[in-house]
Amino acid sequence: MKKLFVLSPLLLLMFSECSLAATLHFDEFGTSPLLNVNGMHVFGVTFQFSPGEADYNGQIGTSGTTVLVSDPLLTGPTTGTLTLTFDDPTPLLQFDLVLETLAPIDSAYTVTLSTQQVLVGSTAPQLPDGLYSEGSFLYTGAPVTGATITFYNGADPFNDSLNVSAFGLDNLTYETPEPASQWPLAGALLALGGIGRRRKILG
């Protein structure tokens, strides 16, 4: 006789509370028209950028010139500050960053987490013939509700007459609660388990 495996409500609840990693590639709304990122709320994260404006779906010509990022991506002036606010605390924050320079930059950007932890990242050219300096950021640890990102805005090390004036950010990854659409599935599994157990008792 076949044995029926019944999922307990507690087990289903545990499954439902699992978190999933979400990644924004900044192509979610196409490339036209350009979208001002300030005030946008996308998949559990709200963006703020000031002063000035940044585009959610900007293009900088990454084909054949970059390794870590690809158009479209979040682009803006390095004079601004990008703020991320998450609907739910996330223990994971990851992104790739590109600066408009051919030079390695040790302090290319600074990330200040909602816990007040400050982390500094670097960038460097990833291709011999690349046009940009790229780097990756990764934080894992105590859940954070947000982060602010500032960018290097000094002189280009390879050309003192120019400033590093633009950045691009891509592949923004963070954890978000499992979608509520999983609840009906959990309920269905629970109902099937209950029906099977009842049949066994009646049989």
N, C-alpha and C. Protein backbone atom coordinates (compact mmCIF):
# COMPACT_ATOMS: atom_id res chain seq x y z
N MET A 1 0.85 -1.20 0.00
CA MET A 1 0.00 0.00 0.00
C MET A 1 0.89 1.25 0.00
N LYS A 2 0.57 2.23 -0.86
CA LYS A 2 1.36 3.44 -0.95
C LYS A 2 1.13 4.32 0.27
N LYS A 3 2.21 4.90 0.76
CA LYS A 3 2.11 5.81 1.89
C LYS A 3 1.97 7.24 1.37
N LEU A 4 1.12 8.01 2.02
CA LEU A 4 0.87 9.39 1.63
C LEU A 4 1.76 10.31 2.45
N PHE A 5 2.50 11.16 1.76
CA PHE A 5 3.33 12.14 2.45
C PHE A 5 2.52 13.43 2.61
N VAL A 6 2.34 13.86 3.84
CA VAL A 6 1.53 15.04 4.13
C VAL A 6 2.44 16.16 4.62
N LEU A 7 2.38 17.30 3.93
CA LEU A 7 3.14 18.46 4.36
C LEU A 7 2.41 19.17 5.48
N SER A 8 3.10 19.41 6.57
CA SER A 8 2.47 20.10 7.70
C SER A 8 2.32 21.57 7.40
N PRO A 9 1.34 22.26 8.03
CA PRO A 9 1.19 23.71 7.83
C PRO A 9 2.46 24.47 8.20
N LEU A 10 3.18 24.00 9.23
CA LEU A 10 4.40 24.69 9.63
C LEU A 10 5.45 24.62 8.54
N LEU A 11 5.59 23.46 7.89
CA LEU A 11 6.55 23.31 6.82
C LEU A 11 6.19 24.20 5.64
N LEU A 12 4.91 24.25 5.33
CA LEU A 12 4.47 25.12 4.24
C LEU A 12 4.75 26.58 4.55
N LEU A 13 4.57 26.96 5.81
CA LEU A 13 4.83 28.34 6.21
C LEU A 13 6.31 28.66 6.03
N MET A 14 7.16 27.70 6.37
CA MET A 14 8.60 27.91 6.21
C MET A 14 8.95 28.09 4.75
N PHE A 15 8.36 27.27 3.87
CA PHE A 15 8.60 27.42 2.44
C PHE A 15 8.16 28.79 1.95
N SER A 16 7.01 29.26 2.44
CA SER A 16 6.43 30.51 1.95
C SER A 16 7.26 31.71 2.36
N GLU A 17 8.03 31.58 3.48
CA GLU A 17 8.78 32.72 3.98
C GLU A 17 10.20 32.78 3.41
N CYS A 18 10.54 31.85 2.52
CA CYS A 18 11.86 31.86 1.91
C CYS A 18 12.03 33.11 1.05
N SER A 19 13.25 33.60 0.98
CA SER A 19 13.54 34.76 0.15
C SER A 19 14.22 34.33 -1.13
N LEU A 20 14.04 35.16 -2.15
CA LEU A 20 14.65 34.90 -3.44
C LEU A 20 15.53 36.08 -3.82
N ALA A 21 16.60 35.81 -4.53
CA ALA A 21 17.45 36.89 -5.02
C ALA A 21 16.83 37.47 -6.29
N ALA A 22 16.68 38.78 -6.31
CA ALA A 22 16.15 39.48 -7.48
C ALA A 22 17.27 40.29 -8.10
N THR A 23 17.33 40.32 -9.43
CA THR A 23 18.35 41.10 -10.13
C THR A 23 17.70 42.02 -11.14
N LEU A 24 18.03 43.30 -11.06
CA LEU A 24 17.56 44.27 -12.04
C LEU A 24 18.67 44.49 -13.07
N HIS A 25 18.31 44.36 -14.36
CA HIS A 25 19.25 44.59 -15.44
C HIS A 25 18.99 45.92 -16.14
N PHE A 26 17.99 46.65 -15.66
CA PHE A 26 17.64 47.98 -16.17
C PHE A 26 17.18 47.97 -17.61
N ASP A 27 16.70 46.79 -18.04
CA ASP A 27 16.06 46.67 -19.34
C ASP A 27 14.58 46.32 -19.19
N GLU A 28 14.09 46.42 -17.94
CA GLU A 28 12.72 45.99 -17.65
C GLU A 28 11.67 46.82 -18.37
N PHE A 29 11.99 48.06 -18.76
CA PHE A 29 11.03 48.93 -19.41
C PHE A 29 11.49 49.36 -20.80
N GLY A 30 12.41 48.60 -21.39
CA GLY A 30 12.92 48.96 -22.69
C GLY A 30 13.92 50.11 -22.62
N THR A 31 14.26 50.65 -23.75
CA THR A 31 15.28 51.71 -23.80
C THR A 31 14.73 53.06 -24.25
N SER A 32 13.47 53.13 -24.57
CA SER A 32 12.89 54.39 -25.02
C SER A 32 11.45 54.49 -24.51
N PRO A 33 11.08 55.63 -23.94
CA PRO A 33 11.91 56.81 -23.67
C PRO A 33 12.82 56.58 -22.47
N LEU A 34 13.80 57.48 -22.28
CA LEU A 34 14.63 57.42 -21.10
C LEU A 34 13.79 57.72 -19.87
N LEU A 35 14.02 56.99 -18.80
CA LEU A 35 13.22 57.13 -17.59
C LEU A 35 14.07 57.70 -16.46
N ASN A 36 13.64 58.82 -15.92
CA ASN A 36 14.31 59.41 -14.76
C ASN A 36 14.16 58.46 -13.58
N VAL A 37 15.29 58.00 -13.02
CA VAL A 37 15.23 56.98 -11.97
C VAL A 37 14.73 57.55 -10.65
N ASN A 38 14.80 58.86 -10.47
CA ASN A 38 14.44 59.46 -9.18
C ASN A 38 12.98 59.21 -8.84
N GLY A 39 12.75 58.51 -7.74
CA GLY A 39 11.39 58.22 -7.29
C GLY A 39 10.82 56.92 -7.82
N MET A 40 11.54 56.23 -8.70
CA MET A 40 11.03 54.98 -9.25
C MET A 40 11.03 53.88 -8.20
N HIS A 41 9.98 53.07 -8.21
CA HIS A 41 9.87 51.90 -7.34
C HIS A 41 9.73 50.68 -8.24
N VAL A 42 10.73 49.80 -8.19
CA VAL A 42 10.77 48.65 -9.09
C VAL A 42 11.10 47.39 -8.30
N PHE A 43 10.19 46.43 -8.30
CA PHE A 43 10.44 45.12 -7.70
C PHE A 43 11.04 45.22 -6.30
N GLY A 44 10.41 46.01 -5.45
CA GLY A 44 10.80 46.04 -4.04
C GLY A 44 11.92 46.99 -3.69
N VAL A 45 12.35 47.85 -4.62
CA VAL A 45 13.38 48.83 -4.29
C VAL A 45 12.99 50.19 -4.86
N THR A 46 13.19 51.24 -4.07
CA THR A 46 12.90 52.61 -4.50
C THR A 46 14.22 53.34 -4.72
N PHE A 47 14.31 54.06 -5.84
CA PHE A 47 15.52 54.78 -6.20
C PHE A 47 15.33 56.28 -5.96
N GLN A 48 16.37 56.90 -5.43
CA GLN A 48 16.43 58.36 -5.34
C GLN A 48 17.80 58.79 -5.87
N PHE A 49 17.82 59.89 -6.62
CA PHE A 49 19.09 60.40 -7.14
C PHE A 49 19.06 61.91 -7.12
N SER A 50 20.10 62.50 -6.50
CA SER A 50 20.22 63.95 -6.49
C SER A 50 21.65 64.33 -6.08
N PRO A 51 22.10 65.53 -6.49
CA PRO A 51 21.42 66.45 -7.40
C PRO A 51 21.53 65.97 -8.84
N GLY A 52 20.78 66.60 -9.70
CA GLY A 52 20.79 66.23 -11.10
C GLY A 52 19.85 65.07 -11.38
N GLU A 53 20.01 64.48 -12.55
CA GLU A 53 19.15 63.39 -12.98
C GLU A 53 19.97 62.19 -13.43
N ALA A 54 19.40 60.99 -13.22
CA ALA A 54 20.00 59.75 -13.70
C ALA A 54 18.92 58.98 -14.44
N ASP A 55 19.33 58.23 -15.44
CA ASP A 55 18.39 57.46 -16.25
C ASP A 55 18.38 55.99 -15.82
N TYR A 56 17.18 55.44 -15.65
CA TYR A 56 17.03 54.02 -15.30
C TYR A 56 17.54 53.14 -16.43
N ASN A 57 17.32 53.54 -17.66
CA ASN A 57 17.58 52.69 -18.83
C ASN A 57 18.51 53.38 -19.84
N GLY A 58 19.60 53.95 -19.32
CA GLY A 58 20.52 54.66 -20.18
C GLY A 58 21.41 53.72 -21.00
N GLN A 59 22.03 54.26 -22.03
CA GLN A 59 22.94 53.50 -22.89
C GLN A 59 24.23 54.29 -23.08
N ILE A 60 25.37 53.58 -22.98
CA ILE A 60 26.66 54.26 -23.08
C ILE A 60 27.56 53.64 -24.14
N GLY A 61 27.09 52.61 -24.84
CA GLY A 61 27.90 51.97 -25.87
C GLY A 61 28.80 50.89 -25.30
N THR A 62 28.20 49.90 -24.65
CA THR A 62 28.97 48.86 -23.97
C THR A 62 29.39 47.72 -24.90
N SER A 63 28.80 47.60 -26.05
CA SER A 63 29.09 46.47 -26.94
C SER A 63 30.57 46.45 -27.33
N GLY A 64 31.27 45.41 -26.92
CA GLY A 64 32.68 45.27 -27.24
C GLY A 64 33.62 46.12 -26.41
N THR A 65 33.07 46.90 -25.46
CA THR A 65 33.92 47.81 -24.67
C THR A 65 33.87 47.52 -23.18
N THR A 66 32.95 46.65 -22.74
CA THR A 66 32.83 46.34 -21.32
C THR A 66 32.68 44.83 -21.13
N VAL A 67 32.95 44.39 -19.90
CA VAL A 67 32.82 42.97 -19.56
C VAL A 67 31.72 42.75 -18.53
N LEU A 68 31.66 43.59 -17.52
CA LEU A 68 30.76 43.37 -16.39
C LEU A 68 29.36 43.93 -16.61
N VAL A 69 29.24 44.95 -17.42
CA VAL A 69 27.95 45.61 -17.61
C VAL A 69 27.56 45.58 -19.08
N SER A 70 26.27 45.81 -19.34
CA SER A 70 25.80 45.91 -20.73
C SER A 70 24.59 46.83 -20.78
N ASP A 71 24.48 47.53 -21.90
CA ASP A 71 23.33 48.43 -22.09
C ASP A 71 22.04 47.62 -22.12
N PRO A 72 20.94 48.21 -21.62
CA PRO A 72 20.87 49.47 -20.88
C PRO A 72 21.30 49.29 -19.43
N LEU A 73 21.59 50.40 -18.79
CA LEU A 73 22.00 50.38 -17.40
C LEU A 73 21.65 51.72 -16.75
N LEU A 74 21.72 51.78 -15.43
CA LEU A 74 21.41 53.02 -14.73
C LEU A 74 22.60 53.95 -14.89
N THR A 75 22.38 55.09 -15.52
CA THR A 75 23.48 56.01 -15.81
C THR A 75 23.20 57.40 -15.24
N GLY A 76 24.28 58.08 -14.87
CA GLY A 76 24.11 59.42 -14.35
C GLY A 76 25.44 60.10 -14.11
N PRO A 77 25.41 61.37 -13.66
CA PRO A 77 26.63 62.11 -13.37
C PRO A 77 27.24 61.67 -12.04
N THR A 78 28.57 61.65 -11.98
CA THR A 78 29.24 61.22 -10.75
C THR A 78 29.12 62.25 -9.63
N THR A 79 28.56 63.40 -9.93
CA THR A 79 28.34 64.42 -8.90
C THR A 79 27.13 64.11 -8.03
N GLY A 80 26.29 63.17 -8.45
CA GLY A 80 25.07 62.84 -7.72
C GLY A 80 25.25 61.68 -6.76
N THR A 81 24.26 61.51 -5.89
CA THR A 81 24.23 60.41 -4.93
C THR A 81 23.01 59.53 -5.23
N LEU A 82 23.25 58.24 -5.35
CA LEU A 82 22.17 57.28 -5.60
C LEU A 82 21.78 56.63 -4.29
N THR A 83 20.50 56.67 -3.99
CA THR A 83 19.99 56.06 -2.76
C THR A 83 19.03 54.93 -3.10
N LEU A 84 19.23 53.79 -2.47
CA LEU A 84 18.37 52.61 -2.64
C LEU A 84 17.65 52.36 -1.32
N THR A 85 16.33 52.20 -1.39
CA THR A 85 15.54 51.86 -0.21
C THR A 85 14.74 50.60 -0.51
N PHE A 86 14.94 49.57 0.30
CA PHE A 86 14.31 48.29 0.05
C PHE A 86 13.03 48.13 0.86
N ASP A 87 12.01 47.55 0.22
CA ASP A 87 10.75 47.32 0.92
C ASP A 87 10.95 46.40 2.12
N ASP A 88 11.84 45.44 1.98
CA ASP A 88 12.13 44.48 3.05
C ASP A 88 13.63 44.39 3.23
N PRO A 89 14.11 44.26 4.47
CA PRO A 89 15.55 44.18 4.70
C PRO A 89 16.18 43.05 3.89
N THR A 90 17.36 43.31 3.34
CA THR A 90 18.05 42.33 2.52
C THR A 90 19.45 42.06 3.08
N PRO A 91 19.83 40.79 3.20
CA PRO A 91 21.19 40.46 3.64
C PRO A 91 22.18 40.42 2.48
N LEU A 92 21.70 40.74 1.28
CA LEU A 92 22.52 40.68 0.08
C LEU A 92 22.36 41.95 -0.73
N LEU A 93 23.49 42.52 -1.13
CA LEU A 93 23.47 43.67 -2.04
C LEU A 93 24.67 43.52 -2.98
N GLN A 94 24.39 43.51 -4.27
CA GLN A 94 25.43 43.30 -5.25
C GLN A 94 25.13 44.14 -6.50
N PHE A 95 26.19 44.66 -7.12
CA PHE A 95 26.01 45.36 -8.39
C PHE A 95 27.36 45.47 -9.09
N ASP A 96 27.30 45.78 -10.38
CA ASP A 96 28.49 46.07 -11.18
C ASP A 96 28.47 47.55 -11.54
N LEU A 97 29.65 48.15 -11.54
CA LEU A 97 29.74 49.59 -11.77
C LEU A 97 30.77 49.89 -12.84
N VAL A 98 30.50 50.90 -13.66
CA VAL A 98 31.44 51.34 -14.69
C VAL A 98 31.59 52.85 -14.59
N LEU A 99 32.83 53.32 -14.76
CA LEU A 99 33.12 54.75 -14.78
C LEU A 99 33.67 55.13 -16.15
N GLU A 100 33.39 56.37 -16.54
CA GLU A 100 33.81 56.85 -17.86
C GLU A 100 35.27 57.30 -17.80
N THR A 101 36.17 56.30 -17.74
CA THR A 101 37.61 56.55 -17.73
C THR A 101 38.32 55.28 -18.14
N LEU A 102 39.54 55.40 -18.64
CA LEU A 102 40.36 54.25 -18.98
C LEU A 102 41.28 53.86 -17.83
N ALA A 103 41.22 54.61 -16.73
CA ALA A 103 42.16 54.42 -15.63
C ALA A 103 41.59 53.56 -14.51
N PRO A 104 42.47 52.83 -13.81
CA PRO A 104 42.03 52.17 -12.56
C PRO A 104 41.75 53.24 -11.52
N ILE A 105 40.67 53.07 -10.76
CA ILE A 105 40.31 54.01 -9.70
C ILE A 105 40.17 53.22 -8.40
N ASP A 106 41.03 53.52 -7.41
CA ASP A 106 40.99 52.78 -6.15
C ASP A 106 39.71 53.05 -5.35
N SER A 107 39.37 54.31 -5.22
CA SER A 107 38.15 54.69 -4.48
C SER A 107 37.11 55.15 -5.49
N ALA A 108 36.66 54.21 -6.30
CA ALA A 108 35.74 54.54 -7.40
C ALA A 108 34.35 54.88 -6.89
N TYR A 109 33.95 54.27 -5.80
CA TYR A 109 32.62 54.53 -5.25
C TYR A 109 32.61 54.15 -3.77
N THR A 110 31.68 54.76 -3.05
CA THR A 110 31.51 54.50 -1.61
C THR A 110 30.07 54.12 -1.35
N VAL A 111 29.87 53.00 -0.67
CA VAL A 111 28.54 52.52 -0.32
C VAL A 111 28.35 52.66 1.19
N THR A 112 27.35 53.43 1.58
CA THR A 112 27.02 53.57 3.00
C THR A 112 25.70 52.84 3.25
N LEU A 113 25.76 51.76 4.03
CA LEU A 113 24.59 50.95 4.30
C LEU A 113 23.73 51.59 5.39
N SER A 114 22.49 51.15 5.49
CA SER A 114 21.58 51.69 6.50
C SER A 114 22.08 51.42 7.91
N THR A 115 22.98 50.46 8.07
CA THR A 115 23.59 50.16 9.37
C THR A 115 24.75 51.10 9.67
N GLN A 116 25.02 52.04 8.77
CA GLN A 116 26.12 53.01 8.85
C GLN A 116 27.48 52.39 8.52
N GLN A 117 27.51 51.15 8.09
CA GLN A 117 28.75 50.56 7.62
C GLN A 117 29.13 51.19 6.28
N VAL A 118 30.39 51.56 6.14
CA VAL A 118 30.86 52.23 4.92
C VAL A 118 31.84 51.31 4.20
N LEU A 119 31.58 51.07 2.93
CA LEU A 119 32.40 50.18 2.11
C LEU A 119 32.84 50.92 0.85
N VAL A 120 34.11 50.74 0.48
CA VAL A 120 34.67 51.44 -0.67
C VAL A 120 35.08 50.42 -1.72
N GLY A 121 34.75 50.70 -3.00
CA GLY A 121 35.06 49.78 -4.08
C GLY A 121 35.95 50.42 -5.13
N SER A 122 36.60 49.58 -5.92
CA SER A 122 37.51 50.05 -6.96
C SER A 122 37.03 49.61 -8.34
N THR A 123 37.58 50.23 -9.36
CA THR A 123 37.30 49.84 -10.74
C THR A 123 38.62 49.79 -11.51
N ALA A 124 38.61 49.02 -12.60
CA ALA A 124 39.78 48.93 -13.47
C ALA A 124 39.32 48.48 -14.85
N PRO A 125 40.03 48.85 -15.90
CA PRO A 125 39.66 48.38 -17.24
C PRO A 125 39.67 46.86 -17.30
N GLN A 126 38.66 46.27 -17.93
CA GLN A 126 38.53 44.83 -18.03
C GLN A 126 38.93 44.30 -19.40
N LEU A 127 39.11 45.20 -20.36
CA LEU A 127 39.50 44.81 -21.72
C LEU A 127 40.69 45.65 -22.18
N PRO A 128 41.58 45.07 -22.96
CA PRO A 128 42.72 45.86 -23.47
C PRO A 128 42.27 47.08 -24.28
N ASP A 129 41.19 46.90 -25.02
CA ASP A 129 40.68 48.00 -25.85
C ASP A 129 39.39 48.59 -25.29
N GLY A 130 39.15 48.33 -24.01
CA GLY A 130 37.91 48.83 -23.41
C GLY A 130 37.93 50.34 -23.22
N LEU A 131 36.76 50.91 -23.10
CA LEU A 131 36.64 52.36 -22.95
C LEU A 131 36.26 52.77 -21.54
N TYR A 132 36.09 51.80 -20.65
CA TYR A 132 35.58 52.10 -19.33
C TYR A 132 36.36 51.35 -18.24
N SER A 133 36.25 51.86 -17.03
CA SER A 133 36.82 51.24 -15.85
C SER A 133 35.68 50.58 -15.08
N GLU A 134 35.80 49.27 -14.81
CA GLU A 134 34.68 48.51 -14.24
C GLU A 134 35.05 47.82 -12.92
N GLY A 135 34.04 47.58 -12.11
CA GLY A 135 34.25 46.85 -10.86
C GLY A 135 32.96 46.25 -10.37
N SER A 136 33.07 45.34 -9.39
CA SER A 136 31.90 44.66 -8.81
C SER A 136 31.87 44.89 -7.31
N PHE A 137 30.66 45.07 -6.79
CA PHE A 137 30.44 45.24 -5.35
C PHE A 137 29.60 44.09 -4.84
N LEU A 138 29.96 43.57 -3.66
CA LEU A 138 29.19 42.50 -3.03
C LEU A 138 29.17 42.70 -1.54
N TYR A 139 27.97 42.76 -0.98
CA TYR A 139 27.79 42.78 0.48
C TYR A 139 26.89 41.63 0.87
N THR A 140 27.32 40.85 1.87
CA THR A 140 26.47 39.85 2.51
C THR A 140 26.68 40.00 4.01
N GLY A 141 25.60 39.98 4.75
CA GLY A 141 25.72 40.15 6.20
C GLY A 141 24.38 40.47 6.82
N ALA A 142 24.40 41.27 7.87
CA ALA A 142 23.17 41.65 8.55
C ALA A 142 22.25 42.36 7.57
N PRO A 143 20.94 42.05 7.59
CA PRO A 143 20.01 42.68 6.65
C PRO A 143 20.03 44.20 6.74
N VAL A 144 19.96 44.84 5.58
CA VAL A 144 19.95 46.30 5.51
C VAL A 144 18.67 46.75 4.82
N THR A 145 18.22 47.94 5.18
CA THR A 145 16.99 48.48 4.57
C THR A 145 17.29 49.46 3.45
N GLY A 146 18.56 49.80 3.29
CA GLY A 146 18.89 50.74 2.23
C GLY A 146 20.38 50.97 2.14
N ALA A 147 20.76 51.75 1.13
CA ALA A 147 22.16 52.09 0.91
C ALA A 147 22.25 53.36 0.08
N THR A 148 23.29 54.15 0.31
CA THR A 148 23.58 55.30 -0.53
C THR A 148 24.92 55.06 -1.21
N ILE A 149 25.01 55.48 -2.46
CA ILE A 149 26.21 55.25 -3.26
C ILE A 149 26.68 56.59 -3.81
N THR A 150 27.93 56.93 -3.52
CA THR A 150 28.55 58.12 -4.10
C THR A 150 29.71 57.66 -5.00
N PHE A 151 30.11 58.51 -5.92
CA PHE A 151 31.03 58.11 -6.98
C PHE A 151 32.25 59.04 -7.04
N TYR A 152 33.34 58.49 -7.52
CA TYR A 152 34.55 59.29 -7.74
C TYR A 152 34.25 60.38 -8.76
N ASN A 153 34.63 61.62 -8.41
CA ASN A 153 34.35 62.74 -9.30
C ASN A 153 35.57 63.62 -9.51
N GLY A 154 36.76 63.04 -9.29
CA GLY A 154 37.98 63.81 -9.44
C GLY A 154 38.52 63.79 -10.85
N ALA A 155 39.74 64.26 -10.97
CA ALA A 155 40.39 64.33 -12.29
C ALA A 155 40.67 62.92 -12.81
N ASP A 156 40.56 62.79 -14.12
CA ASP A 156 40.90 61.52 -14.75
C ASP A 156 42.42 61.32 -14.62
N PRO A 157 42.86 60.20 -14.01
CA PRO A 157 44.30 59.99 -13.83
C PRO A 157 45.09 59.98 -15.13
N PHE A 158 44.42 59.69 -16.26
CA PHE A 158 45.11 59.67 -17.55
C PHE A 158 44.98 60.97 -18.32
N ASN A 159 44.19 61.91 -17.77
CA ASN A 159 44.00 63.20 -18.45
C ASN A 159 43.54 64.22 -17.41
N ASP A 160 44.49 64.94 -16.86
CA ASP A 160 44.20 65.87 -15.77
C ASP A 160 43.22 66.97 -16.16
N SER A 161 43.07 67.21 -17.45
CA SER A 161 42.17 68.28 -17.90
C SER A 161 40.71 67.85 -17.89
N LEU A 162 40.46 66.56 -17.64
CA LEU A 162 39.09 66.03 -17.63
C LEU A 162 38.76 65.45 -16.27
N ASN A 163 37.48 65.51 -15.92
CA ASN A 163 36.98 64.85 -14.72
C ASN A 163 36.29 63.55 -15.10
N VAL A 164 36.30 62.59 -14.18
CA VAL A 164 35.48 61.38 -14.37
C VAL A 164 34.05 61.78 -14.04
N SER A 165 33.26 61.99 -15.09
CA SER A 165 31.99 62.70 -14.91
C SER A 165 30.74 61.83 -14.99
N ALA A 166 30.88 60.55 -15.41
CA ALA A 166 29.67 59.72 -15.58
C ALA A 166 29.92 58.31 -15.06
N PHE A 167 28.83 57.69 -14.59
CA PHE A 167 28.88 56.31 -14.10
C PHE A 167 27.75 55.51 -14.73
N GLY A 168 27.90 54.20 -14.67
CA GLY A 168 26.81 53.29 -15.04
C GLY A 168 26.75 52.18 -14.02
N LEU A 169 25.56 51.76 -13.65
CA LEU A 169 25.37 50.69 -12.67
C LEU A 169 24.46 49.64 -13.27
N ASP A 170 24.82 48.36 -13.10
CA ASP A 170 24.09 47.27 -13.72
C ASP A 170 24.03 46.07 -12.77
N ASN A 171 23.12 45.15 -13.08
CA ASN A 171 23.02 43.87 -12.36
C ASN A 171 22.82 44.06 -10.86
N LEU A 172 21.91 44.94 -10.49
CA LEU A 172 21.61 45.19 -9.08
C LEU A 172 20.88 43.98 -8.50
N THR A 173 21.49 43.34 -7.50
CA THR A 173 20.95 42.11 -6.94
C THR A 173 20.72 42.27 -5.45
N TYR A 174 19.58 41.79 -4.97
CA TYR A 174 19.21 41.88 -3.56
C TYR A 174 18.19 40.80 -3.29
N GLU A 175 17.91 40.55 -2.02
CA GLU A 175 16.92 39.53 -1.67
C GLU A 175 15.56 40.17 -1.46
N THR A 176 14.54 39.47 -1.90
CA THR A 176 13.17 39.92 -1.74
C THR A 176 12.32 38.74 -1.31
N PRO A 177 11.28 38.96 -0.47
CA PRO A 177 10.45 37.83 -0.04
C PRO A 177 9.84 37.11 -1.22
N GLU A 178 9.61 35.81 -1.05
CA GLU A 178 9.01 35.02 -2.11
C GLU A 178 7.66 35.62 -2.47
N PRO A 179 7.31 35.68 -3.74
CA PRO A 179 6.05 36.31 -4.15
C PRO A 179 4.84 35.71 -3.45
N ALA A 180 3.83 36.55 -3.22
CA ALA A 180 2.61 36.08 -2.57
C ALA A 180 1.90 35.02 -3.40
N SER A 181 2.21 34.93 -4.69
CA SER A 181 1.56 33.94 -5.55
C SER A 181 1.90 32.53 -5.12
N GLN A 182 2.94 32.37 -4.27
CA GLN A 182 3.28 31.04 -3.79
C GLN A 182 2.26 30.55 -2.76
N TRP A 183 1.52 31.43 -2.13
CA TRP A 183 0.56 31.02 -1.11
C TRP A 183 -0.54 30.10 -1.65
N PRO A 184 -1.14 30.40 -2.81
CA PRO A 184 -2.16 29.48 -3.33
C PRO A 184 -1.60 28.07 -3.55
N LEU A 185 -0.37 27.97 -4.02
CA LEU A 185 0.24 26.67 -4.22
C LEU A 185 0.39 25.95 -2.89
N ALA A 186 0.84 26.68 -1.88
CA ALA A 186 0.99 26.06 -0.57
C ALA A 186 -0.36 25.60 -0.03
N GLY A 187 -1.39 26.43 -0.23
CA GLY A 187 -2.72 26.04 0.21
C GLY A 187 -3.23 24.80 -0.50
N ALA A 188 -2.95 24.72 -1.80
CA ALA A 188 -3.39 23.56 -2.57
C ALA A 188 -2.70 22.29 -2.09
N LEU A 189 -1.41 22.38 -1.82
CA LEU A 189 -0.68 21.22 -1.31
C LEU A 189 -1.23 20.79 0.03
N LEU A 190 -1.53 21.74 0.88
CA LEU A 190 -2.09 21.42 2.19
C LEU A 190 -3.45 20.76 2.05
N ALA A 191 -4.28 21.27 1.14
CA ALA A 191 -5.60 20.69 0.93
C ALA A 191 -5.50 19.26 0.40
N LEU A 192 -4.60 19.04 -0.54
CA LEU A 192 -4.42 17.69 -1.08
C LEU A 192 -3.96 16.73 0.00
N GLY A 193 -3.07 17.21 0.85
CA GLY A 193 -2.60 16.36 1.94
C GLY A 193 -3.72 15.99 2.87
N GLY A 194 -4.59 16.98 3.19
CA GLY A 194 -5.71 16.70 4.07
C GLY A 194 -6.71 15.74 3.46
N ILE A 195 -6.98 15.90 2.15
CA ILE A 195 -7.91 15.00 1.47
C ILE A 195 -7.36 13.58 1.46
N GLY A 196 -6.06 13.45 1.16
CA GLY A 196 -5.47 12.11 1.12
C GLY A 196 -5.51 11.44 2.48
N ARG A 197 -5.28 12.19 3.54
CA ARG A 197 -5.31 11.61 4.87
C ARG A 197 -6.72 11.19 5.24
N ARG A 198 -7.70 11.98 4.84
CA ARG A 198 -9.08 11.66 5.16
C ARG A 198 -9.50 10.37 4.45
N ARG A 199 -9.09 10.23 3.18
CA ARG A 199 -9.42 9.02 2.44
C ARG A 199 -8.83 7.79 3.10
N LYS A 200 -7.59 7.94 3.62
CA LYS A 200 -6.93 6.83 4.28
C LYS A 200 -7.71 6.41 5.52
N ILE A 201 -8.19 7.41 6.28
CA ILE A 201 -8.95 7.11 7.50
C ILE A 201 -10.27 6.43 7.14
N LEU A 202 -10.97 6.97 6.11
CA LEU A 202 -12.25 6.40 5.75
C LEU A 202 -12.09 5.00 5.14
N GLY A 203 -10.96 4.77 4.46
CA GLY A 203 -10.75 3.47 3.82
C GLY A 203 -10.49 2.40 4.84
